[in-house]
Amino acid sequence: MAQVKKISVATVFGKIDVKAVLNAGKPITVMRVAGQAVGTKSGDSNYGEWTALVGSFIATNPETGEVVEASQLFLPEVALIPIQVALGQAGARAVDFAIEVIVQPSNNTKPGGSPYEYSFVNLMAPAENDPMAKLRQLLLGAGAGPALADESKAGAALADETAAKPAAKAGKR
């Protein structure tokens, strides 16, 4: 297992092949990542503003099985924001998470926009104190919640979720 400076879709999976995404017919898993975020780090680069999670992280490439660890994690915005929100909760010192990052054709392609977008599937059950767990249960029923780490169910749950709602704007990293 290699220790690297940072984890991102680009460092784990590589460049996204747009043709492969558009022709796949289903979402493509580009990274599974788990860790404990204790904060964020932000800055500017030639590509614009960026925000990274800081903590301890481990990721795997679903195609090769390669595993890497790092203390910085760059996630697509759709996956980053929920973790930032959890870190901002009163009394939060760290946020544990495990997610599967996927890429799929964009539902809302705009001129000059990206033809694909990122989404994610939670691989951990929500914490007992997760305020959204109670709200999901009220809104969606008793069995509502993230898919657990059963990989065969994660892809099916993701396909159901992505068919039912448009995903967030594609992130770049």
C-alpha atoms as a PDB file:
ATOM      1  CA  MET A   1       0.000   0.000   0.000  1.00  0.00           C
ATOM      2  CA  ALA A   2       1.527   3.264  -1.152  1.00  0.00           C
ATOM      3  CA  GLN A   3       1.596   6.468   0.888  1.00  0.00           C
ATOM      4  CA  VAL A   4       0.992   9.439  -1.430  1.00  0.00           C
ATOM      5  CA  LYS A   5       0.813  13.225  -0.977  1.00  0.00           C
ATOM      6  CA  LYS A   6      -2.862  13.487  -1.943  1.00  0.00           C
ATOM      7  CA  ILE A   7      -5.790  11.370  -3.060  1.00  0.00           C
ATOM      8  CA  SER A   8      -8.098  12.472  -5.873  1.00  0.00           C
ATOM      9  CA  VAL A   9     -10.017  10.841  -8.697  1.00  0.00           C
ATOM     10  CA  ALA A  10      -7.087  11.751 -10.969  1.00  0.00           C
ATOM     11  CA  THR A  11      -4.443  10.162  -8.718  1.00  0.00           C
ATOM     12  CA  VAL A  12      -6.469   6.993  -8.055  1.00  0.00           C
ATOM     13  CA  PHE A  13      -8.385   6.366 -11.301  1.00  0.00           C
ATOM     14  CA  GLY A  14      -6.667   8.635 -13.800  1.00  0.00           C
ATOM     15  CA  LYS A  15      -8.169  10.762 -16.545  1.00  0.00           C
ATOM     16  CA  ILE A  16     -11.898  10.312 -17.131  1.00  0.00           C
ATOM     17  CA  ASP A  17     -12.539   8.853 -20.602  1.00  0.00           C
ATOM     18  CA  VAL A  18     -15.583  10.833 -21.769  1.00  0.00           C
ATOM     19  CA  LYS A  19     -16.445   8.338 -24.526  1.00  0.00           C
ATOM     20  CA  ALA A  20     -16.382   5.456 -22.050  1.00  0.00           C
ATOM     21  CA  VAL A  21     -18.678   7.353 -19.662  1.00  0.00           C
ATOM     22  CA  LEU A  22     -21.148   8.245 -22.409  1.00  0.00           C
ATOM     23  CA  ASN A  23     -21.179   4.702 -23.833  1.00  0.00           C
ATOM     24  CA  ALA A  24     -21.193   2.738 -20.550  1.00  0.00           C
ATOM     25  CA  GLY A  25     -24.967   2.723 -20.102  1.00  0.00           C
ATOM     26  CA  LYS A  26     -24.517   2.802 -16.332  1.00  0.00           C
ATOM     27  CA  PRO A  27     -22.492   4.776 -13.767  1.00  0.00           C
ATOM     28  CA  ILE A  28     -18.766   3.977 -13.604  1.00  0.00           C
ATOM     29  CA  THR A  29     -17.120   3.617 -10.204  1.00  0.00           C
ATOM     30  CA  VAL A  30     -13.887   5.636 -10.235  1.00  0.00           C
ATOM     31  CA  MET A  31     -12.798   5.384  -6.599  1.00  0.00           C
ATOM     32  CA  ARG A  32     -13.730   3.938  -3.231  1.00  0.00           C
ATOM     33  CA  VAL A  33     -12.446   6.054  -0.384  1.00  0.00           C
ATOM     34  CA  ALA A  34     -12.741   5.948   3.394  1.00  0.00           C
ATOM     35  CA  GLY A  35     -11.250   8.018   6.118  1.00  0.00           C
ATOM     36  CA  GLN A  36     -11.474  10.419   8.977  1.00  0.00           C
ATOM     37  CA  ALA A  37     -11.556  14.109   8.067  1.00  0.00           C
ATOM     38  CA  VAL A  38     -10.464  16.525  10.798  1.00  0.00           C
ATOM     39  CA  GLY A  39     -10.499  19.731   8.762  1.00  0.00           C
ATOM     40  CA  THR A  40     -10.083  21.364   5.384  1.00  0.00           C
ATOM     41  CA  LYS A  41      -7.342  23.181   3.523  1.00  0.00           C
ATOM     42  CA  SER A  42      -8.067  25.673   0.703  1.00  0.00           C
ATOM     43  CA  GLY A  43      -6.075  27.540  -1.896  1.00  0.00           C
ATOM     44  CA  ASP A  44      -5.790  28.739  -5.483  1.00  0.00           C
ATOM     45  CA  SER A  45      -4.093  27.091  -8.448  1.00  0.00           C
ATOM     46  CA  ASN A  46      -3.911  27.500 -12.220  1.00  0.00           C
ATOM     47  CA  TYR A  47      -7.215  25.575 -12.310  1.00  0.00           C
ATOM     48  CA  GLY A  48      -9.018  27.850  -9.829  1.00  0.00           C
ATOM     49  CA  GLU A  49      -9.921  27.591  -6.152  1.00  0.00           C
ATOM     50  CA  TRP A  50      -9.630  24.231  -4.436  1.00  0.00           C
ATOM     51  CA  THR A  51     -10.550  22.671  -1.104  1.00  0.00           C
ATOM     52  CA  ALA A  52      -9.073  19.473   0.291  1.00  0.00           C
ATOM     53  CA  LEU A  53     -10.066  17.457   3.321  1.00  0.00           C
ATOM     54  CA  VAL A  54      -7.263  16.931   5.841  1.00  0.00           C
ATOM     55  CA  GLY A  55      -7.018  13.807   7.981  1.00  0.00           C
ATOM     56  CA  SER A  56      -6.323  10.126   7.334  1.00  0.00           C
ATOM     57  CA  PHE A  57      -7.641   8.570   4.128  1.00  0.00           C
ATOM     58  CA  ILE A  58      -7.396   5.337   2.177  1.00  0.00           C
ATOM     59  CA  ALA A  59      -8.624   4.825  -1.387  1.00  0.00           C
ATOM     60  CA  THR A  60      -8.783   2.017  -3.879  1.00  0.00           C
ATOM     61  CA  ASN A  61      -8.980   1.913  -7.658  1.00  0.00           C
ATOM     62  CA  PRO A  62     -11.926  -0.382  -8.495  1.00  0.00           C
ATOM     63  CA  GLU A  63     -10.332  -1.518 -11.770  1.00  0.00           C
ATOM     64  CA  THR A  64      -6.817  -2.367 -10.571  1.00  0.00           C
ATOM     65  CA  GLY A  65      -7.315  -2.892  -6.837  1.00  0.00           C
ATOM     66  CA  GLU A  66      -4.410  -0.516  -6.133  1.00  0.00           C
ATOM     67  CA  VAL A  67      -4.658   0.985  -2.634  1.00  0.00           C
ATOM     68  CA  VAL A  68      -3.197   4.326  -1.561  1.00  0.00           C
ATOM     69  CA  GLU A  69      -3.159   6.327   1.669  1.00  0.00           C
ATOM     70  CA  ALA A  70      -2.748  10.076   2.181  1.00  0.00           C
ATOM     71  CA  SER A  71      -3.416  12.915   4.589  1.00  0.00           C
ATOM     72  CA  GLN A  72      -5.120  15.115   1.944  1.00  0.00           C
ATOM     73  CA  LEU A  73      -8.219  14.184  -0.046  1.00  0.00           C
ATOM     74  CA  PHE A  74      -9.703  16.025  -3.014  1.00  0.00           C
ATOM     75  CA  LEU A  75     -13.287  15.012  -3.746  1.00  0.00           C
ATOM     76  CA  PRO A  76     -15.792  16.155  -6.347  1.00  0.00           C
ATOM     77  CA  GLU A  77     -17.919  18.945  -4.887  1.00  0.00           C
ATOM     78  CA  VAL A  78     -21.026  16.750  -4.639  1.00  0.00           C
ATOM     79  CA  ALA A  79     -19.173  14.443  -2.194  1.00  0.00           C
ATOM     80  CA  LEU A  80     -17.087  17.135  -0.483  1.00  0.00           C
ATOM     81  CA  ILE A  81     -19.899  19.416   0.695  1.00  0.00           C
ATOM     82  CA  PRO A  82     -21.718  16.903   2.965  1.00  0.00           C
ATOM     83  CA  ILE A  83     -18.428  16.178   4.754  1.00  0.00           C
ATOM     84  CA  GLN A  84     -17.690  19.905   5.130  1.00  0.00           C
ATOM     85  CA  VAL A  85     -21.185  20.412   6.578  1.00  0.00           C
ATOM     86  CA  ALA A  86     -20.626  17.596   9.079  1.00  0.00           C
ATOM     87  CA  LEU A  87     -17.248  19.089  10.075  1.00  0.00           C
ATOM     88  CA  GLY A  88     -18.995  22.423  10.680  1.00  0.00           C
ATOM     89  CA  GLN A  89     -21.496  20.984  13.175  1.00  0.00           C
ATOM     90  CA  ALA A  90     -21.119  22.155  16.759  1.00  0.00           C
ATOM     91  CA  GLY A  91     -18.725  19.888  18.648  1.00  0.00           C
ATOM     92  CA  ALA A  92     -17.543  18.000  15.543  1.00  0.00           C
ATOM     93  CA  ARG A  93     -13.877  17.078  15.859  1.00  0.00           C
ATOM     94  CA  ALA A  94     -13.737  14.549  13.038  1.00  0.00           C
ATOM     95  CA  VAL A  95     -15.977  12.953  10.433  1.00  0.00           C
ATOM     96  CA  ASP A  96     -15.660   9.273   9.549  1.00  0.00           C
ATOM     97  CA  PHE A  97     -16.922   8.262   6.121  1.00  0.00           C
ATOM     98  CA  ALA A  98     -16.682   5.633   3.387  1.00  0.00           C
ATOM     99  CA  ILE A  99     -17.969   6.392  -0.105  1.00  0.00           C
ATOM    100  CA  GLU A 100     -17.919   5.113  -3.648  1.00  0.00           C
ATOM    101  CA  VAL A 101     -17.346   7.936  -6.156  1.00  0.00           C
ATOM    102  CA  ILE A 102     -19.004   7.424  -9.525  1.00  0.00           C
ATOM    103  CA  VAL A 103     -19.129   9.247 -12.837  1.00  0.00           C
ATOM    104  CA  GLN A 104     -22.079   9.223 -15.221  1.00  0.00           C
ATOM    105  CA  PRO A 105     -23.387  11.161 -18.230  1.00  0.00           C
ATOM    106  CA  SER A 106     -24.680  14.587 -17.224  1.00  0.00           C
ATOM    107  CA  ASN A 107     -28.456  14.939 -17.071  1.00  0.00           C
ATOM    108  CA  ASN A 108     -28.275  18.698 -17.636  1.00  0.00           C
ATOM    109  CA  THR A 109     -25.663  19.248 -20.320  1.00  0.00           C
ATOM    110  CA  LYS A 110     -25.273  22.951 -21.029  1.00  0.00           C
ATOM    111  CA  PRO A 111     -23.316  24.503 -23.909  1.00  0.00           C
ATOM    112  CA  GLY A 112     -19.673  24.484 -22.845  1.00  0.00           C
ATOM    113  CA  GLY A 113     -20.493  22.314 -19.805  1.00  0.00           C
ATOM    114  CA  SER A 114     -19.122  18.943 -18.858  1.00  0.00           C
ATOM    115  CA  PRO A 115     -20.746  15.935 -20.544  1.00  0.00           C
ATOM    116  CA  TYR A 116     -20.347  13.953 -17.317  1.00  0.00           C
ATOM    117  CA  GLU A 117     -20.965  14.504 -13.613  1.00  0.00           C
ATOM    118  CA  TYR A 118     -19.891  12.930 -10.376  1.00  0.00           C
ATOM    119  CA  SER A 119     -22.053  11.406  -7.697  1.00  0.00           C
ATOM    120  CA  PHE A 120     -21.397   9.120  -4.742  1.00  0.00           C
ATOM    121  CA  VAL A 121     -22.860   6.314  -2.662  1.00  0.00           C
ATOM    122  CA  ASN A 122     -22.388   6.093   1.104  1.00  0.00           C
ATOM    123  CA  LEU A 123     -20.856   2.772   2.112  1.00  0.00           C
ATOM    124  CA  MET A 124     -21.388   3.303   5.852  1.00  0.00           C
ATOM    125  CA  ALA A 125     -24.598   3.379   7.826  1.00  0.00           C
ATOM    126  CA  PRO A 126     -25.343   6.856   9.218  1.00  0.00           C
ATOM    127  CA  ALA A 127     -24.151   7.640  12.739  1.00  0.00           C
ATOM    128  CA  GLU A 128     -26.766   7.547  15.499  1.00  0.00           C
ATOM    129  CA  ASN A 129     -26.569  11.323  15.847  1.00  0.00           C
ATOM    130  CA  ASP A 130     -26.910  11.984  12.086  1.00  0.00           C
ATOM    131  CA  PRO A 131     -29.763  14.510  11.860  1.00  0.00           C
ATOM    132  CA  MET A 132     -30.497  13.513   8.257  1.00  0.00           C
ATOM    133  CA  ALA A 133     -31.085   9.861   9.227  1.00  0.00           C
ATOM    134  CA  LYS A 134     -34.254  10.773  11.130  1.00  0.00           C
ATOM    135  CA  LEU A 135     -35.407  13.097   8.360  1.00  0.00           C
ATOM    136  CA  ARG A 136     -34.826  10.424   5.686  1.00  0.00           C
ATOM    137  CA  GLN A 137     -36.832   7.962   7.746  1.00  0.00           C
ATOM    138  CA  LEU A 138     -39.709  10.427   8.138  1.00  0.00           C
ATOM    139  CA  LEU A 139     -39.743  11.288   4.469  1.00  0.00           C
ATOM    140  CA  LEU A 140     -38.898   7.970   2.819  1.00  0.00           C
ATOM    141  CA  GLY A 141     -39.842   5.266   5.317  1.00  0.00           C
ATOM    142  CA  ALA A 142     -38.154   2.847   7.671  1.00  0.00           C
ATOM    143  CA  GLY A 143     -35.587   1.328   5.278  1.00  0.00           C
ATOM    144  CA  ALA A 144     -34.335   4.633   3.909  1.00  0.00           C
ATOM    145  CA  GLY A 145     -30.618   5.282   4.196  1.00  0.00           C
ATOM    146  CA  PRO A 146     -27.298   4.828   2.435  1.00  0.00           C
ATOM    147  CA  ALA A 147     -26.355   1.528   0.883  1.00  0.00           C
ATOM    148  CA  LEU A 148     -24.086  -0.482   3.152  1.00  0.00           C
ATOM    149  CA  ALA A 149     -20.733  -1.899   2.097  1.00  0.00           C
ATOM    150  CA  ASP A 150     -22.297  -4.752   0.101  1.00  0.00           C
ATOM    151  CA  GLU A 151     -20.842  -3.903  -3.332  1.00  0.00           C
ATOM    152  CA  SER A 152     -23.511  -5.804  -5.248  1.00  0.00           C
ATOM    153  CA  LYS A 153     -26.200  -3.640  -3.650  1.00  0.00           C
ATOM    154  CA  ALA A 154     -24.270  -0.346  -3.876  1.00  0.00           C
ATOM    155  CA  GLY A 155     -24.364  -0.198  -7.673  1.00  0.00           C
ATOM    156  CA  ALA A 156     -28.068  -1.099  -7.829  1.00  0.00           C
ATOM    157  CA  ALA A 157     -28.944   1.477  -5.178  1.00  0.00           C
ATOM    158  CA  LEU A 158     -26.949   4.086  -7.059  1.00  0.00           C
ATOM    159  CA  ALA A 159     -28.689   3.328 -10.345  1.00  0.00           C
ATOM    160  CA  ASP A 160     -32.074   3.678  -8.624  1.00  0.00           C
ATOM    161  CA  GLU A 161     -31.058   6.956  -6.953  1.00  0.00           C
ATOM    162  CA  THR A 162     -29.567   8.516 -10.079  1.00  0.00           C
ATOM    163  CA  ALA A 163     -32.567   7.588 -12.197  1.00  0.00           C
ATOM    164  CA  ALA A 164     -34.896   9.207  -9.667  1.00  0.00           C
ATOM    165  CA  LYS A 165     -33.146  12.583  -9.325  1.00  0.00           C
ATOM    166  CA  PRO A 166     -30.712  14.790 -11.223  1.00  0.00           C
ATOM    167  CA  ALA A 167     -27.180  14.770  -9.809  1.00  0.00           C
ATOM    168  CA  ALA A 168     -25.179  17.810  -8.792  1.00  0.00           C
ATOM    169  CA  LYS A 169     -22.895  19.784 -11.098  1.00  0.00           C
ATOM    170  CA  ALA A 170     -19.695  17.990 -12.091  1.00  0.00           C
ATOM    171  CA  GLY A 171     -16.636  18.753  -9.989  1.00  0.00           C
ATOM    172  CA  LYS A 172     -13.125  18.982 -11.374  1.00  0.00           C
ATOM    173  CA  ARG A 173     -10.139  17.200  -9.798  1.00  0.00           C
END
